[in-house]
Amino acid sequence: MDDNMIDELVADEIVAFEADRAWIDAHIETLRKEYADYWIAVQDGKVIARAADVGELLGKVPNLARACVEFISPSAPTLPL
């Protein structure tokens, strides 16, 4: 495998991760209702695993390199002004 092919594969993984991160942002209110206080793993716009403990979650995800892992808080954080 040459360097250009590796660069393309890495770029594809970054794009997929960013898409999953954007999916979480777009669906955060629904995710809060269903997964509040849980860690979730998202891949290809789908929740593929959940757990109360991040270590447990990591053990459930078959390919961590392809998953976006996020803690879902029950409410939006408030920022002091």
Protein backbone atom coordinates (compact mmCIF):
# COMPACT_ATOMS: atom_id res chain seq x y z
CA MET A 1 0.00 0.00 0.00
CA ASP A 2 1.52 3.31 -1.02
CA ASP A 3 1.44 6.58 0.91
CA ASN A 4 -1.26 8.13 -1.27
CA MET A 5 -3.58 5.20 -0.65
CA ILE A 6 -2.97 5.44 3.10
CA ASP A 7 -3.64 9.19 3.02
CA GLU A 8 -6.94 8.56 1.20
CA LEU A 9 -7.99 5.90 3.72
CA VAL A 10 -7.21 8.20 6.64
CA ALA A 11 -9.07 11.07 4.97
CA ASP A 12 -12.10 8.81 4.46
CA GLU A 13 -12.04 7.81 8.14
CA ILE A 14 -11.87 11.46 9.21
CA VAL A 15 -14.80 12.36 6.96
CA ALA A 16 -16.84 9.45 8.37
CA PHE A 17 -16.00 10.46 11.96
CA GLU A 18 -16.97 14.08 11.29
CA ALA A 19 -20.26 12.94 9.71
CA ASP A 20 -21.07 10.85 12.79
CA ARG A 21 -20.15 13.75 15.07
CA ALA A 22 -22.46 16.03 13.06
CA TRP A 23 -25.20 13.38 13.27
CA ILE A 24 -24.91 13.40 17.07
CA ASP A 25 -25.17 17.20 17.12
CA ALA A 26 -28.22 17.13 14.83
CA HIS A 27 -30.00 14.49 16.93
CA ILE A 28 -28.86 15.48 20.43
CA GLU A 29 -32.34 16.16 21.82
CA THR A 30 -33.61 12.75 20.73
CA LEU A 31 -30.43 11.13 22.02
CA ARG A 32 -30.89 12.87 25.41
CA LYS A 33 -34.37 11.36 25.73
CA GLU A 34 -33.17 7.84 24.97
CA TYR A 35 -29.55 7.75 26.18
CA ALA A 36 -29.21 10.37 28.96
CA ASP A 37 -26.28 9.56 31.27
CA TYR A 38 -24.97 6.90 28.91
CA TRP A 39 -21.93 6.66 26.70
CA ILE A 40 -22.87 5.88 23.11
CA ALA A 41 -20.94 4.79 20.05
CA VAL A 42 -22.19 6.00 16.67
CA GLN A 43 -21.18 4.63 13.30
CA ASP A 44 -22.69 5.56 9.94
CA GLY A 45 -25.37 7.66 11.64
CA LYS A 46 -26.57 4.87 13.94
CA VAL A 47 -26.10 4.19 17.64
CA ILE A 48 -24.29 0.84 17.66
CA ALA A 49 -23.69 0.51 21.42
CA ARG A 50 -24.44 2.15 24.75
CA ALA A 51 -23.20 1.70 28.31
CA ALA A 52 -23.17 3.58 31.60
CA ASP A 53 -19.39 3.10 31.80
CA VAL A 54 -17.03 4.10 28.99
CA GLY A 55 -14.83 1.06 29.57
CA GLU A 56 -17.83 -1.22 29.12
CA LEU A 57 -18.80 0.66 25.96
CA LEU A 58 -15.34 0.32 24.47
CA GLY A 59 -15.56 -3.43 25.00
CA LYS A 60 -18.82 -3.55 23.02
CA VAL A 61 -17.60 -1.68 19.93
CA PRO A 62 -16.05 -4.03 17.38
CA ASN A 63 -14.09 -1.36 15.47
CA LEU A 64 -13.25 1.68 17.59
CA ALA A 65 -11.42 3.35 14.72
CA ARG A 66 -14.77 3.66 12.92
CA ALA A 67 -16.94 4.81 15.84
CA CYS A 68 -17.63 8.20 17.34
CA VAL A 69 -17.90 7.84 21.12
CA GLU A 70 -19.80 10.44 23.13
CA PHE A 71 -21.28 10.86 26.61
CA ILE A 72 -24.89 12.03 26.45
CA SER A 73 -25.64 14.42 29.28
CA PRO A 74 -29.29 14.80 30.28
CA SER A 75 -29.24 18.52 29.54
CA ALA A 76 -27.26 21.03 27.54
CA PRO A 77 -24.28 22.46 29.40
CA THR A 78 -24.63 26.02 30.63
CA LEU A 79 -21.74 28.38 30.15
CA PRO A 80 -21.17 31.17 32.65
CA LEU A 81 -21.03 34.62 31.14
